[in-house]
Amino acid sequence: VLEHGLPPATLLNVNFPAGGGIKGIKICRQANAK
């Protein structure tokens, strides 16, 4: 983000699973959940 910035009026919501063994990063949409 420091290097590239972000599109106007946009921010990032980043969530981590607990524990090790993370497989990588997925760019996602917000799930329909409540």
PDB file of all heavy atoms in Angstrom:
ATOM      1  N   VAL A   1       0.829  -1.202   0.000  1.00  0.00           N
ATOM      2  CA  VAL A   1       0.000   0.000   0.000  1.00  0.00           C
ATOM      3  C   VAL A   1       0.867   1.256   0.000  1.00  0.00           C
ATOM      4  O   VAL A   1       0.562   2.234  -0.692  1.00  0.00           O
ATOM      5  CB  VAL A   1      -0.984  -0.015   1.189  1.00  0.00           C
ATOM      6  CG1 VAL A   1      -1.709   1.316   1.318  1.00  0.00           C
ATOM      7  CG2 VAL A   1      -1.988  -1.152   1.019  1.00  0.00           C
ATOM      8  N   LEU A   2       1.963   1.245   0.747  1.00  0.00           N
ATOM      9  CA  LEU A   2       2.867   2.392   0.731  1.00  0.00           C
ATOM     10  C   LEU A   2       3.460   2.612  -0.663  1.00  0.00           C
ATOM     11  O   LEU A   2       3.649   3.751  -1.095  1.00  0.00           O
ATOM     12  CB  LEU A   2       3.992   2.198   1.750  1.00  0.00           C
ATOM     13  CG  LEU A   2       3.623   2.432   3.211  1.00  0.00           C
ATOM     14  CD1 LEU A   2       4.737   1.928   4.125  1.00  0.00           C
ATOM     15  CD2 LEU A   2       3.348   3.920   3.486  1.00  0.00           C
ATOM     16  N   GLU A   3       3.739   1.522  -1.364  1.00  0.00           N
ATOM     17  CA  GLU A   3       4.341   1.637  -2.695  1.00  0.00           C
ATOM     18  C   GLU A   3       3.319   2.024  -3.757  1.00  0.00           C
ATOM     19  O   GLU A   3       3.581   2.887  -4.609  1.00  0.00           O
ATOM     20  CB  GLU A   3       5.005   0.320  -3.086  1.00  0.00           C
ATOM     21  CG  GLU A   3       5.659   0.360  -4.467  1.00  0.00           C
ATOM     22  CD  GLU A   3       6.362  -0.938  -4.843  1.00  0.00           C
ATOM     23  OE1 GLU A   3       6.433  -1.851  -3.995  1.00  0.00           O
ATOM     24  OE2 GLU A   3       6.833  -1.031  -6.000  1.00  0.00           O
ATOM     25  N   HIS A   4       2.152   1.379  -3.726  1.00  0.00           N
ATOM     26  CA  HIS A   4       1.196   1.525  -4.817  1.00  0.00           C
ATOM     27  C   HIS A   4       0.005   2.418  -4.495  1.00  0.00           C
ATOM     28  O   HIS A   4      -0.708   2.840  -5.406  1.00  0.00           O
ATOM     29  CB  HIS A   4       0.666   0.143  -5.237  1.00  0.00           C
ATOM     30  CG  HIS A   4       1.727  -0.795  -5.699  1.00  0.00           C
ATOM     31  ND1 HIS A   4       2.436  -0.603  -6.872  1.00  0.00           N
ATOM     32  CD2 HIS A   4       2.213  -1.943  -5.154  1.00  0.00           C
ATOM     33  CE1 HIS A   4       3.305  -1.593  -7.026  1.00  0.00           C
ATOM     34  NE2 HIS A   4       3.196  -2.414  -5.999  1.00  0.00           N
ATOM     35  N   GLY A   5      -0.230   2.693  -3.201  1.00  0.00           N
ATOM     36  CA  GLY A   5      -1.443   3.396  -2.827  1.00  0.00           C
ATOM     37  C   GLY A   5      -2.659   2.497  -2.996  1.00  0.00           C
ATOM     38  O   GLY A   5      -2.542   1.279  -3.210  1.00  0.00           O
ATOM     39  N   LEU A   6      -3.837   3.090  -2.910  1.00  0.00           N
ATOM     40  CA  LEU A   6      -5.092   2.365  -3.089  1.00  0.00           C
ATOM     41  C   LEU A   6      -5.999   3.165  -4.007  1.00  0.00           C
ATOM     42  O   LEU A   6      -5.861   4.392  -4.106  1.00  0.00           O
ATOM     43  CB  LEU A   6      -5.786   2.140  -1.739  1.00  0.00           C
ATOM     44  CG  LEU A   6      -5.152   1.101  -0.806  1.00  0.00           C
ATOM     45  CD1 LEU A   6      -5.779   1.185   0.587  1.00  0.00           C
ATOM     46  CD2 LEU A   6      -5.311  -0.308  -1.380  1.00  0.00           C
ATOM     47  N   PRO A   7      -6.942   2.509  -4.675  1.00  0.00           N
ATOM     48  CA  PRO A   7      -7.913   3.265  -5.471  1.00  0.00           C
ATOM     49  C   PRO A   7      -8.642   4.288  -4.608  1.00  0.00           C
ATOM     50  O   PRO A   7      -8.802   4.085  -3.396  1.00  0.00           O
ATOM     51  CB  PRO A   7      -8.866   2.180  -5.983  1.00  0.00           C
ATOM     52  CG  PRO A   7      -8.057   0.920  -5.965  1.00  0.00           C
ATOM     53  CD  PRO A   7      -7.147   1.055  -4.775  1.00  0.00           C
ATOM     54  N   PRO A   8      -9.098   5.388  -5.199  1.00  0.00           N
ATOM     55  CA  PRO A   8      -9.778   6.425  -4.418  1.00  0.00           C
ATOM     56  C   PRO A   8     -10.960   5.867  -3.626  1.00  0.00           C
ATOM     57  O   PRO A   8     -11.683   4.983  -4.098  1.00  0.00           O
ATOM     58  CB  PRO A   8     -10.248   7.418  -5.496  1.00  0.00           C
ATOM     59  CG  PRO A   8      -9.319   7.212  -6.637  1.00  0.00           C
ATOM     60  CD  PRO A   8      -8.976   5.757  -6.625  1.00  0.00           C
ATOM     61  N   ALA A   9     -11.126   6.375  -2.399  1.00  0.00           N
ATOM     62  CA  ALA A   9     -12.260   6.027  -1.530  1.00  0.00           C
ATOM     63  C   ALA A   9     -12.321   4.529  -1.218  1.00  0.00           C
ATOM     64  O   ALA A   9     -13.392   3.976  -1.012  1.00  0.00           O
ATOM     65  CB  ALA A   9     -13.572   6.504  -2.149  1.00  0.00           C
ATOM     66  N   THR A  10     -11.163   3.891  -1.173  1.00  0.00           N
ATOM     67  CA  THR A  10     -11.085   2.453  -0.930  1.00  0.00           C
ATOM     68  C   THR A  10     -10.085   2.176   0.183  1.00  0.00           C
ATOM     69  O   THR A  10      -9.073   2.851   0.311  1.00  0.00           O
ATOM     70  CB  THR A  10     -10.641   1.706  -2.204  1.00  0.00           C
ATOM     71  OG1 THR A  10     -11.531   2.030  -3.277  1.00  0.00           O
ATOM     72  CG2 THR A  10     -10.633   0.201  -1.999  1.00  0.00           C
ATOM     73  N   LEU A  11     -10.382   1.167   1.003  1.00  0.00           N
ATOM     74  CA  LEU A  11      -9.449   0.693   2.013  1.00  0.00           C
ATOM     75  C   LEU A  11      -9.464  -0.828   2.016  1.00  0.00           C
ATOM     76  O   LEU A  11     -10.252  -1.444   1.274  1.00  0.00           O
ATOM     77  CB  LEU A  11      -9.832   1.227   3.390  1.00  0.00           C
ATOM     78  CG  LEU A  11     -11.200   0.799   3.941  1.00  0.00           C
ATOM     79  CD1 LEU A  11     -11.154   0.677   5.462  1.00  0.00           C
ATOM     80  CD2 LEU A  11     -12.271   1.847   3.564  1.00  0.00           C
ATOM     81  N   LEU A  12      -8.621  -1.444   2.830  1.00  0.00           N
ATOM     82  CA  LEU A  12      -8.540  -2.903   2.871  1.00  0.00           C
ATOM     83  C   LEU A  12      -8.997  -3.428   4.216  1.00  0.00           C
ATOM     84  O   LEU A  12      -8.615  -2.913   5.266  1.00  0.00           O
ATOM     85  CB  LEU A  12      -7.102  -3.364   2.614  1.00  0.00           C
ATOM     86  CG  LEU A  12      -6.472  -2.967   1.278  1.00  0.00           C
ATOM     87  CD1 LEU A  12      -5.069  -3.559   1.161  1.00  0.00           C
ATOM     88  CD2 LEU A  12      -7.341  -3.395   0.093  1.00  0.00           C
ATOM     89  N   ASN A  13      -9.810  -4.485   4.175  1.00  0.00           N
ATOM     90  CA  ASN A  13     -10.220  -5.230   5.359  1.00  0.00           C
ATOM     91  C   ASN A  13      -9.502  -6.570   5.326  1.00  0.00           C
ATOM     92  O   ASN A  13      -9.799  -7.423   4.486  1.00  0.00           O
ATOM     93  CB  ASN A  13     -11.732  -5.433   5.373  1.00  0.00           C
ATOM     94  CG  ASN A  13     -12.204  -6.177   6.612  1.00  0.00           C
ATOM     95  OD1 ASN A  13     -11.489  -6.270   7.595  1.00  0.00           O
ATOM     96  ND2 ASN A  13     -13.417  -6.702   6.561  1.00  0.00           N
ATOM     97  N   VAL A  14      -8.552  -6.755   6.241  1.00  0.00           N
ATOM     98  CA  VAL A  14      -7.691  -7.941   6.253  1.00  0.00           C
ATOM     99  C   VAL A  14      -8.004  -8.765   7.496  1.00  0.00           C
ATOM    100  O   VAL A  14      -7.988  -8.248   8.616  1.00  0.00           O
ATOM    101  CB  VAL A  14      -6.202  -7.544   6.254  1.00  0.00           C
ATOM    102  CG1 VAL A  14      -5.316  -8.788   6.288  1.00  0.00           C
ATOM    103  CG2 VAL A  14      -5.883  -6.681   5.035  1.00  0.00           C
ATOM    104  N   ASN A  15      -8.285 -10.058   7.290  1.00  0.00           N
ATOM    105  CA  ASN A  15      -8.575 -10.969   8.402  1.00  0.00           C
ATOM    106  C   ASN A  15      -7.653 -12.176   8.344  1.00  0.00           C
ATOM    107  O   ASN A  15      -7.403 -12.728   7.270  1.00  0.00           O
ATOM    108  CB  ASN A  15     -10.034 -11.419   8.350  1.00  0.00           C
ATOM    109  CG  ASN A  15     -10.984 -10.348   8.827  1.00  0.00           C
ATOM    110  OD1 ASN A  15     -11.267 -10.231  10.004  1.00  0.00           O
ATOM    111  ND2 ASN A  15     -11.478  -9.540   7.889  1.00  0.00           N
ATOM    112  N   PHE A  16      -7.162 -12.573   9.531  1.00  0.00           N
ATOM    113  CA  PHE A  16      -6.238 -13.699   9.648  1.00  0.00           C
ATOM    114  C   PHE A  16      -6.908 -14.871  10.349  1.00  0.00           C
ATOM    115  O   PHE A  16      -7.553 -14.677  11.395  1.00  0.00           O
ATOM    116  CB  PHE A  16      -5.014 -13.305  10.483  1.00  0.00           C
ATOM    117  CG  PHE A  16      -4.215 -12.169   9.935  1.00  0.00           C
ATOM    118  CD1 PHE A  16      -4.326 -10.897  10.476  1.00  0.00           C
ATOM    119  CD2 PHE A  16      -3.340 -12.361   8.873  1.00  0.00           C
ATOM    120  CE1 PHE A  16      -3.581  -9.843   9.988  1.00  0.00           C
ATOM    121  CE2 PHE A  16      -2.587 -11.314   8.375  1.00  0.00           C
ATOM    122  CZ  PHE A  16      -2.709 -10.042   8.925  1.00  0.00           C
ATOM    123  N   PRO A  17      -6.741 -16.095   9.821  1.00  0.00           N
ATOM    124  CA  PRO A  17      -7.151 -17.262  10.603  1.00  0.00           C
ATOM    125  C   PRO A  17      -6.201 -17.454  11.781  1.00  0.00           C
ATOM    126  O   PRO A  17      -5.061 -16.972  11.753  1.00  0.00           O
ATOM    127  CB  PRO A  17      -7.031 -18.417   9.611  1.00  0.00           C
ATOM    128  CG  PRO A  17      -6.033 -17.950   8.601  1.00  0.00           C
ATOM    129  CD  PRO A  17      -6.144 -16.450   8.535  1.00  0.00           C
ATOM    130  N   ALA A  18      -6.679 -18.104  12.812  1.00  0.00           N
ATOM    131  CA  ALA A  18      -5.823 -18.381  13.972  1.00  0.00           C
ATOM    132  C   ALA A  18      -4.839 -19.494  13.641  1.00  0.00           C
ATOM    133  O   ALA A  18      -5.090 -20.349  12.798  1.00  0.00           O
ATOM    134  CB  ALA A  18      -6.677 -18.771  15.170  1.00  0.00           C
ATOM    135  N   GLY A  19      -3.690 -19.474  14.314  1.00  0.00           N
ATOM    136  CA  GLY A  19      -2.715 -20.546  14.179  1.00  0.00           C
ATOM    137  C   GLY A  19      -1.836 -20.401  12.954  1.00  0.00           C
ATOM    138  O   GLY A  19      -2.025 -19.518  12.112  1.00  0.00           O
ATOM    139  N   GLY A  20      -0.836 -21.275  12.869  1.00  0.00           N
ATOM    140  CA  GLY A  20       0.096 -21.245  11.748  1.00  0.00           C
ATOM    141  C   GLY A  20      -0.460 -21.959  10.539  1.00  0.00           C
ATOM    142  O   GLY A  20      -1.643 -22.281  10.450  1.00  0.00           O
ATOM    143  N   GLY A  21       0.413 -22.216   9.571  1.00  0.00           N
ATOM    144  CA  GLY A  21       0.028 -22.962   8.382  1.00  0.00           C
ATOM    145  C   GLY A  21      -0.813 -22.189   7.394  1.00  0.00           C
ATOM    146  O   GLY A  21      -1.585 -22.786   6.628  1.00  0.00           O
ATOM    147  N   ILE A  22      -0.707 -20.854   7.379  1.00  0.00           N
ATOM    148  CA  ILE A  22      -1.469 -20.059   6.419  1.00  0.00           C
ATOM    149  C   ILE A  22      -0.977 -20.367   4.999  1.00  0.00           C
ATOM    150  O   ILE A  22       0.210 -20.426   4.734  1.00  0.00           O
ATOM    151  CB  ILE A  22      -1.332 -18.562   6.738  1.00  0.00           C
ATOM    152  CG1 ILE A  22      -2.067 -18.236   8.036  1.00  0.00           C
ATOM    153  CG2 ILE A  22      -1.881 -17.706   5.597  1.00  0.00           C
ATOM    154  CD1 ILE A  22      -1.944 -16.797   8.469  1.00  0.00           C
ATOM    155  N   LYS A  23      -1.940 -20.552   4.084  1.00  0.00           N
ATOM    156  CA  LYS A  23      -1.623 -20.955   2.719  1.00  0.00           C
ATOM    157  C   LYS A  23      -1.264 -19.779   1.822  1.00  0.00           C
ATOM    158  O   LYS A  23      -0.692 -19.974   0.744  1.00  0.00           O
ATOM    159  CB  LYS A  23      -2.805 -21.709   2.116  1.00  0.00           C
ATOM    160  CG  LYS A  23      -3.151 -23.000   2.845  1.00  0.00           C
ATOM    161  CD  LYS A  23      -4.401 -23.637   2.245  1.00  0.00           C
ATOM    162  CE  LYS A  23      -4.807 -24.887   2.981  1.00  0.00           C
ATOM    163  NZ  LYS A  23      -6.071 -25.475   2.449  1.00  0.00           N
ATOM    164  N   GLY A  24      -1.639 -18.568   2.228  1.00  0.00           N
ATOM    165  CA  GLY A  24      -1.366 -17.411   1.396  1.00  0.00           C
ATOM    166  C   GLY A  24      -2.439 -16.360   1.557  1.00  0.00           C
ATOM    167  O   GLY A  24      -3.201 -16.372   2.525  1.00  0.00           O
ATOM    168  N   ILE A  25      -2.501 -15.451   0.590  1.00  0.00           N
ATOM    169  CA  ILE A  25      -3.442 -14.326   0.613  1.00  0.00           C
ATOM    170  C   ILE A  25      -4.486 -14.525  -0.479  1.00  0.00           C
ATOM    171  O   ILE A  25      -4.150 -14.900  -1.603  1.00  0.00           O
ATOM    172  CB  ILE A  25      -2.704 -12.995   0.395  1.00  0.00           C
ATOM    173  CG1 ILE A  25      -1.781 -12.683   1.581  1.00  0.00           C
ATOM    174  CG2 ILE A  25      -3.684 -11.852   0.162  1.00  0.00           C
ATOM    175  CD1 ILE A  25      -0.901 -11.470   1.366  1.00  0.00           C
ATOM    176  N   LYS A  26      -5.748 -14.277  -0.145  1.00  0.00           N
ATOM    177  CA  LYS A  26      -6.832 -14.295  -1.124  1.00  0.00           C
ATOM    178  C   LYS A  26      -7.509 -12.922  -1.168  1.00  0.00           C
ATOM    179  O   LYS A  26      -7.915 -12.400  -0.129  1.00  0.00           O
ATOM    180  CB  LYS A  26      -7.890 -15.342  -0.752  1.00  0.00           C
ATOM    181  CG  LYS A  26      -7.462 -16.785  -0.950  1.00  0.00           C
ATOM    182  CD  LYS A  26      -7.511 -17.183  -2.402  1.00  0.00           C
ATOM    183  CE  LYS A  26      -7.255 -18.685  -2.563  1.00  0.00           C
ATOM    184  NZ  LYS A  26      -7.208 -19.080  -3.997  1.00  0.00           N
ATOM    185  N   ILE A  27      -7.594 -12.350  -2.351  1.00  0.00           N
ATOM    186  CA  ILE A  27      -8.391 -11.146  -2.545  1.00  0.00           C
ATOM    187  C   ILE A  27      -9.841 -11.596  -2.712  1.00  0.00           C
ATOM    188  O   ILE A  27     -10.137 -12.419  -3.593  1.00  0.00           O
ATOM    189  CB  ILE A  27      -7.932 -10.343  -3.769  1.00  0.00           C
ATOM    190  CG1 ILE A  27      -6.414 -10.106  -3.702  1.00  0.00           C
ATOM    191  CG2 ILE A  27      -8.693  -9.031  -3.864  1.00  0.00           C
ATOM    192  CD1 ILE A  27      -5.950  -9.358  -2.479  1.00  0.00           C
ATOM    193  N   CYS A  28     -10.722 -11.083  -1.869  1.00  0.00           N
ATOM    194  CA  CYS A  28     -12.065 -11.649  -1.741  1.00  0.00           C
ATOM    195  C   CYS A  28     -13.133 -10.575  -1.837  1.00  0.00           C
ATOM    196  O   CYS A  28     -12.864  -9.383  -1.794  1.00  0.00           O
ATOM    197  CB  CYS A  28     -12.232 -12.328  -0.368  1.00  0.00           C
ATOM    198  SG  CYS A  28     -10.940 -13.471   0.082  1.00  0.00           S
ATOM    199  N   ARG A  29     -14.374 -11.062  -1.915  1.00  0.00           N
ATOM    200  CA  ARG A  29     -15.524 -10.205  -1.670  1.00  0.00           C
ATOM    201  C   ARG A  29     -16.075 -10.530  -0.284  1.00  0.00           C
ATOM    202  O   ARG A  29     -15.782 -11.583   0.295  1.00  0.00           O
ATOM    203  CB  ARG A  29     -16.607 -10.413  -2.724  1.00  0.00           C
ATOM    204  CG  ARG A  29     -17.216 -11.817  -2.755  1.00  0.00           C
ATOM    205  CD  ARG A  29     -18.324 -11.907  -3.787  1.00  0.00           C
ATOM    206  NE  ARG A  29     -18.822 -13.278  -3.901  1.00  0.00           N
ATOM    207  CZ  ARG A  29     -19.759 -13.813  -3.124  1.00  0.00           C
ATOM    208  NH1 ARG A  29     -20.319 -13.093  -2.151  1.00  0.00           N
ATOM    209  NH2 ARG A  29     -20.140 -15.065  -3.295  1.00  0.00           N
ATOM    210  N   GLN A  30     -16.878  -9.631   0.236  1.00  0.00           N
ATOM    211  CA  GLN A  30     -17.522  -9.824   1.528  1.00  0.00           C
ATOM    212  C   GLN A  30     -18.604 -10.886   1.406  1.00  0.00           C
ATOM    213  O   GLN A  30     -19.455 -10.808   0.520  1.00  0.00           O
ATOM    214  CB  GLN A  30     -18.135  -8.494   1.971  1.00  0.00           C
ATOM    215  CG  GLN A  30     -18.907  -8.536   3.269  1.00  0.00           C
ATOM    216  CD  GLN A  30     -19.503  -7.168   3.600  1.00  0.00           C
ATOM    217  OE1 GLN A  30     -18.801  -6.161   3.514  1.00  0.00           O
ATOM    218  NE2 GLN A  30     -20.766  -7.135   3.948  1.00  0.00           N
ATOM    219  N   ALA A  31     -18.579 -11.879   2.278  1.00  0.00           N
ATOM    220  CA  ALA A  31     -19.576 -12.939   2.237  1.00  0.00           C
ATOM    221  C   ALA A  31     -20.944 -12.432   2.669  1.00  0.00           C
ATOM    222  O   ALA A  31     -21.067 -11.512   3.476  1.00  0.00           O
ATOM    223  CB  ALA A  31     -19.157 -14.094   3.143  1.00  0.00           C
ATOM    224  N   ASN A  32     -21.985 -13.064   2.130  1.00  0.00           N
ATOM    225  CA  ASN A  32     -23.356 -12.801   2.561  1.00  0.00           C
ATOM    226  C   ASN A  32     -23.606 -13.637   3.812  1.00  0.00           C
ATOM    227  O   ASN A  32     -24.019 -14.787   3.750  1.00  0.00           O
ATOM    228  CB  ASN A  32     -24.344 -13.160   1.452  1.00  0.00           C
ATOM    229  CG  ASN A  32     -25.790 -13.003   1.881  1.00  0.00           C
ATOM    230  OD1 ASN A  32     -26.080 -12.345   2.879  1.00  0.00           O
ATOM    231  ND2 ASN A  32     -26.697 -13.612   1.142  1.00  0.00           N
ATOM    232  N   ALA A  33     -23.320 -13.052   4.954  1.00  0.00           N
ATOM    233  CA  ALA A  33     -23.473 -13.749   6.236  1.00  0.00           C
ATOM    234  C   ALA A  33     -23.915 -12.728   7.276  1.00  0.00           C
ATOM    235  O   ALA A  33     -23.719 -11.524   7.106  1.00  0.00           O
ATOM    236  CB  ALA A  33     -22.158 -14.406   6.649  1.00  0.00           C
ATOM    237  N   LYS A  34     -24.527 -13.209   8.344  1.00  0.00           N
ATOM    238  CA  LYS A  34     -25.029 -12.294   9.365  1.00  0.00           C
ATOM    239  C   LYS A  34     -25.153 -13.024  10.693  1.00  0.00           C
ATOM    240  O   LYS A  34     -25.062 -14.248  10.757  1.00  0.00           O
ATOM    241  CB  LYS A  34     -26.398 -11.717   8.976  1.00  0.00           C
ATOM    242  CG  LYS A  34     -27.510 -12.756   8.952  1.00  0.00           C
ATOM    243  CD  LYS A  34     -28.842 -12.155   8.535  1.00  0.00           C
ATOM    244  CE  LYS A  34     -29.419 -11.246   9.586  1.00  0.00           C
ATOM    245  NZ  LYS A  34     -29.878 -11.963  10.796  1.00  0.00           N
TER     246      LYS A  34
END
